[in-house]
C-alpha atoms as a PDB file:
ATOM      1  CA  MET A   1     -77.478  47.070  26.074  1.00  0.00           C
ATOM      2  CA  ARG A   2     -76.688  43.515  27.159  1.00  0.00           C
ATOM      3  CA  GLU A   3     -78.124  40.883  24.815  1.00  0.00           C
ATOM      4  CA  ASN A   4     -77.182  37.618  23.189  1.00  0.00           C
ATOM      5  CA  ALA A   5     -75.073  38.088  20.058  1.00  0.00           C
ATOM      6  CA  LYS A   6     -73.227  36.023  17.461  1.00  0.00           C
ATOM      7  CA  TRP A   7     -69.807  36.803  15.980  1.00  0.00           C
ATOM      8  CA  SER A   8     -67.020  34.673  14.542  1.00  0.00           C
ATOM      9  CA  PHE A   9     -67.304  31.318  16.357  1.00  0.00           C
ATOM     10  CA  TRP A  10     -69.124  32.757  19.361  1.00  0.00           C
ATOM     11  CA  ASP A  11     -72.723  32.911  20.483  1.00  0.00           C
ATOM     12  CA  GLN A  12     -73.012  34.484  23.923  1.00  0.00           C
ATOM     13  CA  MET A  13     -74.101  37.494  25.954  1.00  0.00           C
ATOM     14  CA  ALA A  14     -72.490  40.752  24.878  1.00  0.00           C
ATOM     15  CA  HIS A  15     -72.650  44.466  25.612  1.00  0.00           C
ATOM     16  CA  LEU A  16     -73.828  46.030  22.363  1.00  0.00           C
ATOM     17  CA  VAL A  17     -74.199  49.405  20.693  1.00  0.00           C
ATOM     18  CA  ALA A  18     -74.992  49.916  17.017  1.00  0.00           C
ATOM     19  CA  ASP A  19     -72.232  51.556  14.998  1.00  0.00           C
ATOM     20  CA  ALA A  20     -74.651  54.230  13.761  1.00  0.00           C
ATOM     21  CA  TYR A  21     -74.743  55.745  17.261  1.00  0.00           C
ATOM     22  CA  VAL A  22     -70.971  55.525  17.711  1.00  0.00           C
ATOM     23  CA  ALA A  23     -70.265  57.032  14.292  1.00  0.00           C
ATOM     24  CA  SER A  24     -72.744  59.858  14.924  1.00  0.00           C
ATOM     25  CA  VAL A  25     -70.953  60.806  18.146  1.00  0.00           C
ATOM     26  CA  GLN A  26     -67.501  60.479  16.601  1.00  0.00           C
ATOM     27  CA  ARG A  27     -68.419  62.753  13.683  1.00  0.00           C
ATOM     28  CA  THR A  28     -68.873  65.578  16.182  1.00  0.00           C
ATOM     29  CA  GLY A  29     -65.279  65.166  17.388  1.00  0.00           C
ATOM     30  CA  ALA A  30     -66.353  63.670  20.700  1.00  0.00           C
ATOM     31  CA  VAL A  31     -65.197  60.348  22.128  1.00  0.00           C
ATOM     32  CA  ALA A  32     -67.910  57.674  22.300  1.00  0.00           C
ATOM     33  CA  VAL A  33     -67.719  55.544  25.454  1.00  0.00           C
ATOM     34  CA  LEU A  34     -69.825  52.401  25.904  1.00  0.00           C
ATOM     35  CA  LEU A  35     -71.254  52.074  29.408  1.00  0.00           C
ATOM     36  CA  PRO A  36     -71.731  48.336  30.047  1.00  0.00           C
ATOM     37  CA  VAL A  37     -74.742  47.300  32.098  1.00  0.00           C
ATOM     38  CA  ASP A  38     -73.414  47.280  35.656  1.00  0.00           C
ATOM     39  CA  ASP A  39     -75.674  45.930  38.384  1.00  0.00           C
ATOM     40  CA  ARG A  40     -73.290  46.875  41.214  1.00  0.00           C
ATOM     41  CA  HIS A  41     -71.798  50.294  40.482  1.00  0.00           C
ATOM     42  CA  PRO A  42     -73.925  51.971  37.785  1.00  0.00           C
ATOM     43  CA  LEU A  43     -73.555  55.545  39.010  1.00  0.00           C
ATOM     44  CA  GLU A  44     -69.748  55.462  39.160  1.00  0.00           C
ATOM     45  CA  LEU A  45     -69.723  55.261  35.369  1.00  0.00           C
ATOM     46  CA  LEU A  46     -71.105  58.795  35.173  1.00  0.00           C
ATOM     47  CA  ASP A  47     -67.837  60.064  36.687  1.00  0.00           C
ATOM     48  CA  ARG A  48     -66.150  59.170  33.401  1.00  0.00           C
ATOM     49  CA  ILE A  49     -68.381  61.014  30.929  1.00  0.00           C
ATOM     50  CA  ASP A  50     -69.468  64.580  30.128  1.00  0.00           C
ATOM     51  CA  GLY A  51     -72.833  63.744  28.542  1.00  0.00           C
ATOM     52  CA  LEU A  52     -75.212  60.780  28.512  1.00  0.00           C
ATOM     53  CA  LEU A  53     -76.711  59.224  25.375  1.00  0.00           C
ATOM     54  CA  VAL A  54     -79.437  56.615  25.977  1.00  0.00           C
ATOM     55  CA  ILE A  55     -80.162  54.706  22.778  1.00  0.00           C
ATOM     56  CA  GLY A  56     -83.010  52.680  21.278  1.00  0.00           C
ATOM     57  CA  GLY A  57     -83.755  49.017  21.786  1.00  0.00           C
ATOM     58  CA  ALA A  58     -86.142  46.616  23.477  1.00  0.00           C
ATOM     59  CA  ASP A  59     -89.363  47.531  25.265  1.00  0.00           C
ATOM     60  CA  ILE A  60     -89.289  48.646  28.893  1.00  0.00           C
ATOM     61  CA  ASP A  61     -90.902  46.179  31.293  1.00  0.00           C
ATOM     62  CA  PRO A  62     -94.363  47.675  32.013  1.00  0.00           C
ATOM     63  CA  ALA A  63     -94.093  46.553  35.640  1.00  0.00           C
ATOM     64  CA  VAL A  64     -91.535  49.354  36.059  1.00  0.00           C
ATOM     65  CA  TYR A  65     -94.254  51.943  35.419  1.00  0.00           C
ATOM     66  CA  GLY A  66     -97.003  50.070  37.244  1.00  0.00           C
ATOM     67  CA  GLN A  67     -98.894  48.411  34.400  1.00  0.00           C
ATOM     68  CA  GLU A  68     -99.872  44.885  33.494  1.00  0.00           C
ATOM     69  CA  ARG A  69     -98.090  43.517  30.447  1.00  0.00           C
ATOM     70  CA  ASP A  70     -99.958  43.996  27.174  1.00  0.00           C
ATOM     71  CA  PRO A  71     -99.857  40.934  24.860  1.00  0.00           C
ATOM     72  CA  LYS A  72     -98.177  43.103  22.204  1.00  0.00           C
ATOM     73  CA  THR A  73     -95.351  44.237  24.451  1.00  0.00           C
ATOM     74  CA  GLU A  74     -92.172  42.673  23.098  1.00  0.00           C
ATOM     75  CA  SER A  75     -88.939  41.415  24.703  1.00  0.00           C
ATOM     76  CA  THR A  76     -87.846  43.213  27.864  1.00  0.00           C
ATOM     77  CA  TYR A  77     -84.581  43.242  29.806  1.00  0.00           C
ATOM     78  CA  PRO A  78     -85.100  44.205  33.472  1.00  0.00           C
ATOM     79  CA  ASP A  79     -81.371  44.601  34.137  1.00  0.00           C
ATOM     80  CA  ARG A  80     -81.070  47.159  31.349  1.00  0.00           C
ATOM     81  CA  ASP A  81     -84.198  48.958  32.574  1.00  0.00           C
ATOM     82  CA  ALA A  82     -82.854  49.323  36.111  1.00  0.00           C
ATOM     83  CA  PHE A  83     -79.412  50.387  34.866  1.00  0.00           C
ATOM     84  CA  GLU A  84     -80.628  53.066  32.474  1.00  0.00           C
ATOM     85  CA  LEU A  85     -83.250  54.488  34.827  1.00  0.00           C
ATOM     86  CA  ALA A  86     -80.609  54.845  37.539  1.00  0.00           C
ATOM     87  CA  LEU A  87     -78.215  56.551  35.101  1.00  0.00           C
ATOM     88  CA  LEU A  88     -80.903  58.940  33.876  1.00  0.00           C
ATOM     89  CA  ASN A  89     -82.008  60.071  37.322  1.00  0.00           C
ATOM     90  CA  GLU A  90     -78.433  60.540  38.515  1.00  0.00           C
ATOM     91  CA  ALA A  91     -77.379  62.358  35.331  1.00  0.00           C
ATOM     92  CA  ILE A  92     -80.266  64.787  35.780  1.00  0.00           C
ATOM     93  CA  GLU A  93     -79.298  65.287  39.422  1.00  0.00           C
ATOM     94  CA  ARG A  94     -75.700  66.030  38.370  1.00  0.00           C
ATOM     95  CA  GLU A  95     -76.890  68.344  35.573  1.00  0.00           C
ATOM     96  CA  LEU A  96     -75.150  66.289  32.891  1.00  0.00           C
ATOM     97  CA  PRO A  97     -76.485  66.840  29.362  1.00  0.00           C
ATOM     98  CA  VAL A  98     -78.756  63.951  28.367  1.00  0.00           C
ATOM     99  CA  LEU A  99     -80.081  62.826  24.983  1.00  0.00           C
ATOM    100  CA  GLY A 100     -82.530  59.919  24.895  1.00  0.00           C
ATOM    101  CA  ILE A 101     -83.340  58.365  21.526  1.00  0.00           C
ATOM    102  CA  CYS A 102     -86.502  56.277  20.895  1.00  0.00           C
ATOM    103  CA  ARG A 103     -86.463  53.821  23.831  1.00  0.00           C
ATOM    104  CA  GLY A 104     -84.127  56.334  25.468  1.00  0.00           C
ATOM    105  CA  MET A 105     -86.882  58.962  25.392  1.00  0.00           C
ATOM    106  CA  GLN A 106     -89.335  56.462  26.814  1.00  0.00           C
ATOM    107  CA  ALA A 107     -86.837  55.552  29.550  1.00  0.00           C
ATOM    108  CA  LEU A 108     -86.456  59.241  30.398  1.00  0.00           C
ATOM    109  CA  ASN A 109     -90.213  59.537  30.828  1.00  0.00           C
ATOM    110  CA  VAL A 110     -90.417  56.383  32.960  1.00  0.00           C
ATOM    111  CA  ALA A 111     -87.446  57.501  35.067  1.00  0.00           C
ATOM    112  CA  ARG A 112     -89.411  60.628  35.933  1.00  0.00           C
ATOM    113  CA  GLY A 113     -92.491  58.606  36.912  1.00  0.00           C
ATOM    114  CA  GLY A 114     -94.331  58.654  33.583  1.00  0.00           C
ATOM    115  CA  THR A 115     -96.023  55.840  31.671  1.00  0.00           C
ATOM    116  CA  LEU A 116     -96.027  54.458  28.124  1.00  0.00           C
ATOM    117  CA  VAL A 117     -98.520  53.387  25.490  1.00  0.00           C
ATOM    118  CA  GLN A 118     -97.525  49.721  25.199  1.00  0.00           C
ATOM    119  CA  HIS A 119     -98.621  49.385  21.570  1.00  0.00           C
ATOM    120  CA  ILE A 120     -99.595  52.052  19.048  1.00  0.00           C
ATOM    121  CA  PRO A 121    -102.760  50.923  17.208  1.00  0.00           C
ATOM    122  CA  GLU A 122    -102.312  49.999  13.562  1.00  0.00           C
ATOM    123  CA  VAL A 123    -103.950  52.120  10.878  1.00  0.00           C
ATOM    124  CA  ASP A 124    -105.538  49.936   8.187  1.00  0.00           C
ATOM    125  CA  GLY A 125    -103.342  47.086   9.364  1.00  0.00           C
ATOM    126  CA  VAL A 126    -100.116  49.089   9.142  1.00  0.00           C
ATOM    127  CA  ALA A 127     -98.020  50.323  12.069  1.00  0.00           C
ATOM    128  CA  PRO A 128     -97.622  54.045  11.271  1.00  0.00           C
ATOM    129  CA  HIS A 129     -94.340  54.480  13.146  1.00  0.00           C
ATOM    130  CA  ARG A 130     -92.721  51.125  12.338  1.00  0.00           C
ATOM    131  CA  ARG A 131     -93.844  50.035   8.918  1.00  0.00           C
ATOM    132  CA  VAL A 132     -91.236  47.300   8.475  1.00  0.00           C
ATOM    133  CA  VAL A 133     -89.367  45.759  11.410  1.00  0.00           C
ATOM    134  CA  GLY A 134     -85.618  46.323  11.134  1.00  0.00           C
ATOM    135  CA  THR A 135     -85.687  49.231   8.688  1.00  0.00           C
ATOM    136  CA  PHE A 136     -86.562  52.933   8.615  1.00  0.00           C
ATOM    137  CA  ASP A 137     -88.014  52.634   5.118  1.00  0.00           C
ATOM    138  CA  GLY A 138     -91.265  54.519   4.680  1.00  0.00           C
ATOM    139  CA  THR A 139     -91.221  56.170   8.100  1.00  0.00           C
ATOM    140  CA  ASP A 140     -90.043  59.664   7.137  1.00  0.00           C
ATOM    141  CA  HIS A 141     -92.465  62.159   8.639  1.00  0.00           C
ATOM    142  CA  THR A 142     -92.612  65.754   9.800  1.00  0.00           C
ATOM    143  CA  VAL A 143     -92.228  66.616  13.475  1.00  0.00           C
ATOM    144  CA  GLU A 144     -93.443  69.990  14.723  1.00  0.00           C
ATOM    145  CA  LEU A 145     -91.136  71.354  17.427  1.00  0.00           C
ATOM    146  CA  GLU A 146     -92.103  74.101  19.865  1.00  0.00           C
ATOM    147  CA  PRO A 147     -90.476  77.433  18.972  1.00  0.00           C
ATOM    148  CA  GLY A 148     -87.624  78.255  21.333  1.00  0.00           C
ATOM    149  CA  SER A 149     -87.568  74.774  22.861  1.00  0.00           C
ATOM    150  CA  LEU A 150     -84.401  72.774  23.433  1.00  0.00           C
ATOM    151  CA  ALA A 151     -85.670  70.318  20.813  1.00  0.00           C
ATOM    152  CA  ALA A 152     -85.993  73.057  18.190  1.00  0.00           C
ATOM    153  CA  ARG A 153     -82.630  74.594  19.066  1.00  0.00           C
ATOM    154  CA  ALA A 154     -80.873  71.224  18.955  1.00  0.00           C
ATOM    155  CA  ALA A 155     -82.502  70.255  15.646  1.00  0.00           C
ATOM    156  CA  GLY A 156     -81.920  73.722  14.194  1.00  0.00           C
ATOM    157  CA  GLU A 157     -85.491  74.010  12.957  1.00  0.00           C
ATOM    158  CA  GLU A 158     -89.121  73.905  14.041  1.00  0.00           C
ATOM    159  CA  LEU A 159     -90.301  71.561  11.267  1.00  0.00           C
ATOM    160  CA  HIS A 160     -88.043  68.528  11.281  1.00  0.00           C
ATOM    161  CA  THR A 161     -88.084  65.521   8.938  1.00  0.00           C
ATOM    162  CA  ALA A 162     -87.560  62.470  11.131  1.00  0.00           C
ATOM    163  CA  ARG A 163     -87.147  58.713  10.721  1.00  0.00           C
ATOM    164  CA  CYS A 164     -88.685  56.431  13.308  1.00  0.00           C
ATOM    165  CA  HIS A 165     -88.973  52.768  14.309  1.00  0.00           C
ATOM    166  CA  HIS A 166     -91.151  52.268  17.391  1.00  0.00           C
ATOM    167  CA  HIS A 167     -94.397  50.618  18.450  1.00  0.00           C
ATOM    168  CA  GLN A 168     -94.610  52.217  21.902  1.00  0.00           C
ATOM    169  CA  ALA A 169     -94.897  55.865  22.890  1.00  0.00           C
ATOM    170  CA  VAL A 170     -94.987  58.291  25.807  1.00  0.00           C
ATOM    171  CA  ASP A 171     -98.373  58.389  27.527  1.00  0.00           C
ATOM    172  CA  GLU A 172     -98.585  60.196  30.895  1.00  0.00           C
ATOM    173  CA  LEU A 173     -95.690  62.617  31.295  1.00  0.00           C
ATOM    174  CA  GLY A 174     -93.175  62.196  34.096  1.00  0.00           C
ATOM    175  CA  ASP A 175     -92.470  64.851  36.720  1.00  0.00           C
ATOM    176  CA  GLY A 176     -90.861  68.019  35.430  1.00  0.00           C
ATOM    177  CA  LEU A 177     -91.165  67.064  31.756  1.00  0.00           C
ATOM    178  CA  VAL A 178     -92.897  68.952  28.984  1.00  0.00           C
ATOM    179  CA  VAL A 179     -93.851  67.916  25.433  1.00  0.00           C
ATOM    180  CA  THR A 180     -92.030  70.022  22.839  1.00  0.00           C
ATOM    181  CA  GLY A 181     -92.531  67.974  19.679  1.00  0.00           C
ATOM    182  CA  ARG A 182     -95.353  66.080  17.998  1.00  0.00           C
ATOM    183  CA  ALA A 183     -95.720  64.177  14.742  1.00  0.00           C
ATOM    184  CA  GLN A 184     -97.610  66.287  12.231  1.00  0.00           C
ATOM    185  CA  GLN A 185     -99.464  63.262  10.876  1.00  0.00           C
ATOM    186  CA  ASP A 186    -101.097  61.990  14.075  1.00  0.00           C
ATOM    187  CA  GLY A 187     -99.999  64.127  17.018  1.00  0.00           C
ATOM    188  CA  MET A 188     -97.788  61.411  18.502  1.00  0.00           C
ATOM    189  CA  ILE A 189     -95.395  62.758  21.146  1.00  0.00           C
ATOM    190  CA  GLU A 190     -91.982  63.035  19.488  1.00  0.00           C
ATOM    191  CA  ALA A 191     -89.936  65.219  21.843  1.00  0.00           C
ATOM    192  CA  ILE A 192     -89.876  65.812  25.594  1.00  0.00           C
ATOM    193  CA  GLU A 193     -87.552  67.859  27.761  1.00  0.00           C
ATOM    194  CA  MET A 194     -87.163  69.214  31.271  1.00  0.00           C
ATOM    195  CA  GLN A 195     -89.411  72.135  32.065  1.00  0.00           C
ATOM    196  CA  ASN A 196     -86.668  73.821  34.109  1.00  0.00           C
ATOM    197  CA  GLY A 197     -84.478  74.390  31.044  1.00  0.00           C
ATOM    198  CA  ALA A 198     -81.831  71.757  31.839  1.00  0.00           C
ATOM    199  CA  TRP A 199     -80.110  70.178  28.821  1.00  0.00           C
ATOM    200  CA  VAL A 200     -82.183  66.992  28.979  1.00  0.00           C
ATOM    201  CA  LEU A 201     -83.885  65.983  25.731  1.00  0.00           C
ATOM    202  CA  GLY A 202     -85.768  62.918  24.564  1.00  0.00           C
ATOM    203  CA  VAL A 203     -86.665  62.345  20.910  1.00  0.00           C
ATOM    204  CA  GLN A 204     -88.789  59.512  19.604  1.00  0.00           C
ATOM    205  CA  TRP A 205     -87.109  59.488  16.211  1.00  0.00           C
ATOM    206  CA  HIS A 206     -83.658  58.158  15.214  1.00  0.00           C
ATOM    207  CA  PRO A 207     -81.182  60.958  14.407  1.00  0.00           C
ATOM    208  CA  GLU A 208     -78.394  58.401  13.959  1.00  0.00           C
ATOM    209  CA  ALA A 209     -80.215  57.305  10.786  1.00  0.00           C
ATOM    210  CA  ASP A 210     -79.713  60.758   9.268  1.00  0.00           C
ATOM    211  CA  GLU A 211     -76.166  62.108   8.843  1.00  0.00           C
ATOM    212  CA  ARG A 212     -77.618  65.612   8.441  1.00  0.00           C
ATOM    213  CA  SER A 213     -79.025  65.593  11.968  1.00  0.00           C
ATOM    214  CA  ARG A 214     -77.639  68.266  14.284  1.00  0.00           C
ATOM    215  CA  LEU A 215     -78.696  66.588  17.527  1.00  0.00           C
ATOM    216  CA  PHE A 216     -75.378  64.878  18.223  1.00  0.00           C
ATOM    217  CA  ASN A 217     -73.478  68.121  17.635  1.00  0.00           C
ATOM    218  CA  ALA A 218     -75.835  69.836  20.064  1.00  0.00           C
ATOM    219  CA  LEU A 219     -75.210  67.154  22.700  1.00  0.00           C
ATOM    220  CA  THR A 220     -71.439  67.376  22.230  1.00  0.00           C
ATOM    221  CA  GLU A 221     -71.501  71.165  22.544  1.00  0.00           C
ATOM    222  CA  ALA A 222     -73.620  70.958  25.697  1.00  0.00           C
ATOM    223  CA  ALA A 223     -71.288  68.329  27.177  1.00  0.00           C
ATOM    224  CA  ALA A 224     -68.243  70.493  26.454  1.00  0.00           C
ATOM    225  CA  GLU A 225     -69.882  73.472  28.145  1.00  0.00           C
ATOM    226  CA  ALA A 226     -70.889  71.366  31.156  1.00  0.00           C
ATOM    227  CA  SER A 227     -67.349  70.016  31.451  1.00  0.00           C
ATOM    228  CA  LYS A 228     -65.890  73.533  31.487  1.00  0.00           C
ATOM    229  CA  ALA A 229     -68.417  74.698  34.054  1.00  0.00           C
ATOM    230  CA  GLY A 230     -67.771  71.659  36.266  1.00  0.00           C
END
């Protein structure tokens, strides 16, 4: 992501990725590579990687999926939207393994022509999937994954305890996608993947917030297999 950041004496635009994502990839033995937002040559970056991880972050501009902006839609970054959507579509075309997390899952859906719920209604004044901004506290919930799905195989189980932090969600599914996971508590879409069996997975929860998660290992294994095959 490209956002304003402060460090040492500096306050300026920076290309950012949270250490939790980097550490999660590195624990699998893989090399984590940051892809900076590139407005000129985004697809050339895919030549340098074996698998694509699209992480969480700001809302996607609703204009991208043909909707008027809801008052509760938060900050958007059109350059990041365009960059990630281009990467996702090209990665799928190249048959690179893809894992989209939170916003990354939403971007996957939008890249395939789907839409989003711009704001999940509160329940008794509380946002059920983002109880406190900036923390995963109180958001542990059970996700039911379809037996035999990529989501279930990657997670290593069909009932998965997940941690989330989002106020938007997948609405209309994009082309070629299928829902393979829902929150047990309210049926919210929690996992989507390609119907054709390609290693392309989106999860609404944050596996980087749980060191026990097997999703990063699954992505690394898929990337290694794809690299050998290529």
